[in-house]
Amino acid sequence: MELVDVLKQAINSKLDKLKSEEVRQEIVDKWNKDINIPIINEKTEGKILSALLDSFLAIVDKVIKK
């Protein structure tokens, strides 16, 4: 197996880990704790942050797989 293939496999493995429900929840919980938007409740903040994370991970996935 070539080095490029090994690196691709490692990167894809890490990206899959970031996409796992456990890690996603950890990221959203941390962001929700650190970012306070007083005019909306915590549940709504969580939904917004989760959507932002989805977008971010989709972009990272697209860039890495180019």
PDB file of N, CA and C in Angstrom:
ATOM      1  N   MET A   1       0.846  -1.180   0.000  1.00  0.00           N
ATOM      2  CA  MET A   1       0.000   0.000   0.000  1.00  0.00           C
ATOM      3  C   MET A   1       0.892   1.243   0.000  1.00  0.00           C
ATOM      4  N   GLU A   2       0.564   2.178  -0.854  1.00  0.00           N
ATOM      5  CA  GLU A   2       1.357   3.391  -0.965  1.00  0.00           C
ATOM      6  C   GLU A   2       1.069   4.341   0.191  1.00  0.00           C
ATOM      7  N   LEU A   3       2.003   5.225   0.443  1.00  0.00           N
ATOM      8  CA  LEU A   3       1.870   6.202   1.525  1.00  0.00           C
ATOM      9  C   LEU A   3       0.622   7.064   1.342  1.00  0.00           C
ATOM     10  N   VAL A   4       0.336   7.456   0.115  1.00  0.00           N
ATOM     11  CA  VAL A   4      -0.845   8.279  -0.167  1.00  0.00           C
ATOM     12  C   VAL A   4      -2.116   7.549   0.262  1.00  0.00           C
ATOM     13  N   ASP A   5      -2.192   6.266  -0.030  1.00  0.00           N
ATOM     14  CA  ASP A   5      -3.359   5.474   0.349  1.00  0.00           C
ATOM     15  C   ASP A   5      -3.486   5.356   1.867  1.00  0.00           C
ATOM     16  N   VAL A   6      -2.370   5.183   2.533  1.00  0.00           N
ATOM     17  CA  VAL A   6      -2.367   5.087   3.999  1.00  0.00           C
ATOM     18  C   VAL A   6      -2.850   6.404   4.603  1.00  0.00           C
ATOM     19  N   LEU A   7      -2.364   7.510   4.059  1.00  0.00           N
ATOM     20  CA  LEU A   7      -2.778   8.829   4.553  1.00  0.00           C
ATOM     21  C   LEU A   7      -4.263   9.079   4.309  1.00  0.00           C
ATOM     22  N   LYS A   8      -4.742   8.725   3.125  1.00  0.00           N
ATOM     23  CA  LYS A   8      -6.169   8.884   2.821  1.00  0.00           C
ATOM     24  C   LYS A   8      -7.018   8.073   3.792  1.00  0.00           C
ATOM     25  N   GLN A   9      -6.587   6.856   4.056  1.00  0.00           N
ATOM     26  CA  GLN A   9      -7.321   5.990   4.972  1.00  0.00           C
ATOM     27  C   GLN A   9      -7.338   6.587   6.384  1.00  0.00           C
ATOM     28  N   ALA A  10      -6.208   7.117   6.826  1.00  0.00           N
ATOM     29  CA  ALA A  10      -6.127   7.718   8.159  1.00  0.00           C
ATOM     30  C   ALA A  10      -7.010   8.960   8.256  1.00  0.00           C
ATOM     31  N   ILE A  11      -6.972   9.793   7.231  1.00  0.00           N
ATOM     32  CA  ILE A  11      -7.787  11.009   7.220  1.00  0.00           C
ATOM     33  C   ILE A  11      -9.274  10.652   7.207  1.00  0.00           C
ATOM     34  N   ASN A  12      -9.659   9.699   6.380  1.00  0.00           N
ATOM     35  CA  ASN A  12     -11.060   9.280   6.319  1.00  0.00           C
ATOM     36  C   ASN A  12     -11.517   8.686   7.652  1.00  0.00           C
ATOM     37  N   SER A  13     -10.626   7.976   8.313  1.00  0.00           N
ATOM     38  CA  SER A  13     -10.948   7.403   9.617  1.00  0.00           C
ATOM     39  C   SER A  13     -11.218   8.508  10.647  1.00  0.00           C
ATOM     40  N   LYS A  14     -10.376   9.521  10.650  1.00  0.00           N
ATOM     41  CA  LYS A  14     -10.563  10.649  11.580  1.00  0.00           C
ATOM     42  C   LYS A  14     -11.833  11.424  11.252  1.00  0.00           C
ATOM     43  N   LEU A  15     -12.111  11.597   9.976  1.00  0.00           N
ATOM     44  CA  LEU A  15     -13.322  12.301   9.560  1.00  0.00           C
ATOM     45  C   LEU A  15     -14.564  11.514   9.986  1.00  0.00           C
ATOM     46  N   ASP A  16     -14.518  10.203   9.833  1.00  0.00           N
ATOM     47  CA  ASP A  16     -15.631   9.364  10.287  1.00  0.00           C
ATOM     48  C   ASP A  16     -15.833   9.491  11.787  1.00  0.00           C
ATOM     49  N   LYS A  17     -14.744   9.566  12.527  1.00  0.00           N
ATOM     50  CA  LYS A  17     -14.833   9.737  13.986  1.00  0.00           C
ATOM     51  C   LYS A  17     -15.496  11.074  14.317  1.00  0.00           C
ATOM     52  N   LEU A  18     -15.116  12.138  13.603  1.00  0.00           N
ATOM     53  CA  LEU A  18     -15.736  13.447  13.835  1.00  0.00           C
ATOM     54  C   LEU A  18     -17.234  13.421  13.530  1.00  0.00           C
ATOM     55  N   LYS A  19     -17.630  12.589  12.589  1.00  0.00           N
ATOM     56  CA  LYS A  19     -19.035  12.506  12.200  1.00  0.00           C
ATOM     57  C   LYS A  19     -19.850  11.597  13.122  1.00  0.00           C
ATOM     58  N   SER A  20     -19.170  10.864  13.992  1.00  0.00           N
ATOM     59  CA  SER A  20     -19.890   9.951  14.885  1.00  0.00           C
ATOM     60  C   SER A  20     -20.792  10.760  15.824  1.00  0.00           C
ATOM     61  N   GLU A  21     -21.914  10.158  16.203  1.00  0.00           N
ATOM     62  CA  GLU A  21     -22.889  10.852  17.045  1.00  0.00           C
ATOM     63  C   GLU A  21     -22.276  11.276  18.373  1.00  0.00           C
ATOM     64  N   GLU A  22     -21.423  10.439  18.930  1.00  0.00           N
ATOM     65  CA  GLU A  22     -20.792  10.744  20.217  1.00  0.00           C
ATOM     66  C   GLU A  22     -19.917  12.001  20.136  1.00  0.00           C
ATOM     67  N   VAL A  23     -19.070  12.061  19.145  1.00  0.00           N
ATOM     68  CA  VAL A  23     -18.160  13.210  19.000  1.00  0.00           C
ATOM     69  C   VAL A  23     -18.943  14.454  18.587  1.00  0.00           C
ATOM     70  N   ARG A  24     -19.912  14.286  17.682  1.00  0.00           N
ATOM     71  CA  ARG A  24     -20.754  15.425  17.267  1.00  0.00           C
ATOM     72  C   ARG A  24     -21.443  16.048  18.476  1.00  0.00           C
ATOM     73  N   GLN A  25     -21.995  15.191  19.345  1.00  0.00           N
ATOM     74  CA  GLN A  25     -22.692  15.686  20.527  1.00  0.00           C
ATOM     75  C   GLN A  25     -21.729  16.403  21.464  1.00  0.00           C
ATOM     76  N   GLU A  26     -20.532  15.867  21.589  1.00  0.00           N
ATOM     77  CA  GLU A  26     -19.508  16.491  22.438  1.00  0.00           C
ATOM     78  C   GLU A  26     -19.154  17.888  21.911  1.00  0.00           C
ATOM     79  N   ILE A  27     -18.987  18.004  20.603  1.00  0.00           N
ATOM     80  CA  ILE A  27     -18.659  19.294  19.994  1.00  0.00           C
ATOM     81  C   ILE A  27     -19.797  20.281  20.188  1.00  0.00           C
ATOM     82  N   VAL A  28     -21.025  19.861  19.883  1.00  0.00           N
ATOM     83  CA  VAL A  28     -22.186  20.754  20.006  1.00  0.00           C
ATOM     84  C   VAL A  28     -22.382  21.171  21.460  1.00  0.00           C
ATOM     85  N   ASP A  29     -22.237  20.244  22.399  1.00  0.00           N
ATOM     86  CA  ASP A  29     -22.373  20.581  23.822  1.00  0.00           C
ATOM     87  C   ASP A  29     -21.336  21.609  24.256  1.00  0.00           C
ATOM     88  N   LYS A  30     -20.110  21.435  23.795  1.00  0.00           N
ATOM     89  CA  LYS A  30     -19.027  22.380  24.153  1.00  0.00           C
ATOM     90  C   LYS A  30     -19.308  23.752  23.563  1.00  0.00           C
ATOM     91  N   TRP A  31     -19.689  23.794  22.289  1.00  0.00           N
ATOM     92  CA  TRP A  31     -20.021  25.073  21.661  1.00  0.00           C
ATOM     93  C   TRP A  31     -21.188  25.726  22.375  1.00  0.00           C
ATOM     94  N   ASN A  32     -22.201  24.933  22.700  1.00  0.00           N
ATOM     95  CA  ASN A  32     -23.391  25.469  23.350  1.00  0.00           C
ATOM     96  C   ASN A  32     -23.046  26.045  24.723  1.00  0.00           C
ATOM     97  N   LYS A  33     -22.113  25.401  25.413  1.00  0.00           N
ATOM     98  CA  LYS A  33     -21.663  25.895  26.714  1.00  0.00           C
ATOM     99  C   LYS A  33     -20.879  27.204  26.561  1.00  0.00           C
ATOM    100  N   ASP A  34     -20.037  27.269  25.536  1.00  0.00           N
ATOM    101  CA  ASP A  34     -19.149  28.418  25.350  1.00  0.00           C
ATOM    102  C   ASP A  34     -19.823  29.609  24.670  1.00  0.00           C
ATOM    103  N   ILE A  35     -20.861  29.341  23.886  1.00  0.00           N
ATOM    104  CA  ILE A  35     -21.515  30.406  23.128  1.00  0.00           C
ATOM    105  C   ILE A  35     -22.909  30.614  23.701  1.00  0.00           C
ATOM    106  N   ASN A  36     -23.168  31.816  24.169  1.00  0.00           N
ATOM    107  CA  ASN A  36     -24.474  32.123  24.727  1.00  0.00           C
ATOM    108  C   ASN A  36     -25.127  33.223  23.909  1.00  0.00           C
ATOM    109  N   ILE A  37     -26.281  32.906  23.363  1.00  0.00           N
ATOM    110  CA  ILE A  37     -27.062  33.896  22.623  1.00  0.00           C
ATOM    111  C   ILE A  37     -28.321  34.125  23.458  1.00  0.00           C
ATOM    112  N   PRO A  38     -28.344  35.213  24.222  1.00  0.00           N
ATOM    113  CA  PRO A  38     -29.404  35.407  25.219  1.00  0.00           C
ATOM    114  C   PRO A  38     -30.833  35.431  24.670  1.00  0.00           C
ATOM    115  N   ILE A  39     -31.013  35.754  23.404  1.00  0.00           N
ATOM    116  CA  ILE A  39     -32.381  35.891  22.900  1.00  0.00           C
ATOM    117  C   ILE A  39     -32.999  34.566  22.452  1.00  0.00           C
ATOM    118  N   ILE A  40     -32.215  33.474  22.471  1.00  0.00           N
ATOM    119  CA  ILE A  40     -32.771  32.161  22.136  1.00  0.00           C
ATOM    120  C   ILE A  40     -32.420  31.162  23.238  1.00  0.00           C
ATOM    121  N   ASN A  41     -33.236  30.117  23.381  1.00  0.00           N
ATOM    122  CA  ASN A  41     -32.989  29.151  24.449  1.00  0.00           C
ATOM    123  C   ASN A  41     -31.903  28.146  24.054  1.00  0.00           C
ATOM    124  N   GLU A  42     -31.463  27.381  25.038  1.00  0.00           N
ATOM    125  CA  GLU A  42     -30.356  26.438  24.837  1.00  0.00           C
ATOM    126  C   GLU A  42     -30.686  25.377  23.788  1.00  0.00           C
ATOM    127  N   LYS A  43     -31.923  24.905  23.764  1.00  0.00           N
ATOM    128  CA  LYS A  43     -32.304  23.872  22.805  1.00  0.00           C
ATOM    129  C   LYS A  43     -32.183  24.394  21.369  1.00  0.00           C
ATOM    130  N   THR A  44     -32.632  25.625  21.150  1.00  0.00           N
ATOM    131  CA  THR A  44     -32.536  26.230  19.824  1.00  0.00           C
ATOM    132  C   THR A  44     -31.080  26.479  19.450  1.00  0.00           C
ATOM    133  N   GLU A  45     -30.298  26.953  20.412  1.00  0.00           N
ATOM    134  CA  GLU A  45     -28.856  27.133  20.168  1.00  0.00           C
ATOM    135  C   GLU A  45     -28.238  25.803  19.736  1.00  0.00           C
ATOM    136  N   GLY A  46     -28.597  24.720  20.417  1.00  0.00           N
ATOM    137  CA  GLY A  46     -28.063  23.406  20.083  1.00  0.00           C
ATOM    138  C   GLY A  46     -28.400  22.998  18.663  1.00  0.00           C
ATOM    139  N   LYS A  47     -29.633  23.273  18.241  1.00  0.00           N
ATOM    140  CA  LYS A  47     -30.039  22.936  16.872  1.00  0.00           C
ATOM    141  C   LYS A  47     -29.242  23.743  15.849  1.00  0.00           C
ATOM    142  N   ILE A  48     -29.054  25.025  16.128  1.00  0.00           N
ATOM    143  CA  ILE A  48     -28.286  25.888  15.222  1.00  0.00           C
ATOM    144  C   ILE A  48     -26.837  25.414  15.139  1.00  0.00           C
ATOM    145  N   LEU A  49     -26.237  25.149  16.292  1.00  0.00           N
ATOM    146  CA  LEU A  49     -24.838  24.714  16.320  1.00  0.00           C
ATOM    147  C   LEU A  49     -24.674  23.357  15.639  1.00  0.00           C
ATOM    148  N   SER A  50     -25.642  22.480  15.810  1.00  0.00           N
ATOM    149  CA  SER A  50     -25.596  21.177  15.149  1.00  0.00           C
ATOM    150  C   SER A  50     -25.653  21.339  13.629  1.00  0.00           C
ATOM    151  N   ALA A  51     -26.501  22.241  13.161  1.00  0.00           N
ATOM    152  CA  ALA A  51     -26.591  22.498  11.713  1.00  0.00           C
ATOM    153  C   ALA A  51     -25.282  23.091  11.183  1.00  0.00           C
ATOM    154  N   LEU A  52     -24.672  23.988  11.953  1.00  0.00           N
ATOM    155  CA  LEU A  52     -23.384  24.558  11.553  1.00  0.00           C
ATOM    156  C   LEU A  52     -22.309  23.475  11.486  1.00  0.00           C
ATOM    157  N   LEU A  53     -22.327  22.567  12.449  1.00  0.00           N
ATOM    158  CA  LEU A  53     -21.360  21.464  12.442  1.00  0.00           C
ATOM    159  C   LEU A  53     -21.574  20.570  11.226  1.00  0.00           C
ATOM    160  N   ASP A  54     -22.836  20.277  10.887  1.00  0.00           N
ATOM    161  CA  ASP A  54     -23.130  19.483   9.688  1.00  0.00           C
ATOM    162  C   ASP A  54     -22.535  20.137   8.448  1.00  0.00           C
ATOM    163  N   SER A  55     -22.739  21.437   8.319  1.00  0.00           N
ATOM    164  CA  SER A  55     -22.206  22.166   7.159  1.00  0.00           C
ATOM    165  C   SER A  55     -20.685  22.127   7.138  1.00  0.00           C
ATOM    166  N   PHE A  56     -20.080  22.364   8.293  1.00  0.00           N
ATOM    167  CA  PHE A  56     -18.627  22.361   8.394  1.00  0.00           C
ATOM    168  C   PHE A  56     -18.058  20.993   8.004  1.00  0.00           C
ATOM    169  N   LEU A  57     -18.631  19.922   8.543  1.00  0.00           N
ATOM    170  CA  LEU A  57     -18.131  18.585   8.239  1.00  0.00           C
ATOM    171  C   LEU A  57     -18.334  18.226   6.771  1.00  0.00           C
ATOM    172  N   ALA A  58     -19.422  18.680   6.169  1.00  0.00           N
ATOM    173  CA  ALA A  58     -19.658  18.428   4.738  1.00  0.00           C
ATOM    174  C   ALA A  58     -18.595  19.125   3.890  1.00  0.00           C
ATOM    175  N   ILE A  59     -18.248  20.342   4.276  1.00  0.00           N
ATOM    176  CA  ILE A  59     -17.217  21.090   3.540  1.00  0.00           C
ATOM    177  C   ILE A  59     -15.859  20.407   3.698  1.00  0.00           C
ATOM    178  N   VAL A  60     -15.515  20.028   4.928  1.00  0.00           N
ATOM    179  CA  VAL A  60     -14.236  19.360   5.176  1.00  0.00           C
ATOM    180  C   VAL A  60     -14.172  18.059   4.380  1.00  0.00           C
ATOM    181  N   ASP A  61     -15.261  17.300   4.399  1.00  0.00           N
ATOM    182  CA  ASP A  61     -15.316  16.040   3.651  1.00  0.00           C
ATOM    183  C   ASP A  61     -15.093  16.290   2.158  1.00  0.00           C
ATOM    184  N   LYS A  62     -15.734  17.296   1.614  1.00  0.00           N
ATOM    185  CA  LYS A  62     -15.599  17.622   0.194  1.00  0.00           C
ATOM    186  C   LYS A  62     -14.155  18.042  -0.142  1.00  0.00           C
ATOM    187  N   VAL A  63     -13.570  18.868   0.705  1.00  0.00           N
ATOM    188  CA  VAL A  63     -12.205  19.355   0.453  1.00  0.00           C
ATOM    189  C   VAL A  63     -11.205  18.212   0.549  1.00  0.00           C
ATOM    190  N   ILE A  64     -11.355  17.356   1.535  1.00  0.00           N
ATOM    191  CA  ILE A  64     -10.410  16.261   1.724  1.00  0.00           C
ATOM    192  C   ILE A  64     -10.491  15.257   0.598  1.00  0.00           C
ATOM    193  N   LYS A  65     -11.677  15.017   0.085  1.00  0.00           N
ATOM    194  CA  LYS A  65     -11.856  13.986  -0.935  1.00  0.00           C
ATOM    195  C   LYS A  65     -11.602  14.503  -2.354  1.00  0.00           C
ATOM    196  N   LYS A  66     -11.165  15.738  -2.500  1.00  0.00           N
ATOM    197  CA  LYS A  66     -10.840  16.268  -3.836  1.00  0.00           C
ATOM    198  C   LYS A  66      -9.572  15.637  -4.329  1.00  0.00           C
TER     199      LYS A  66
END
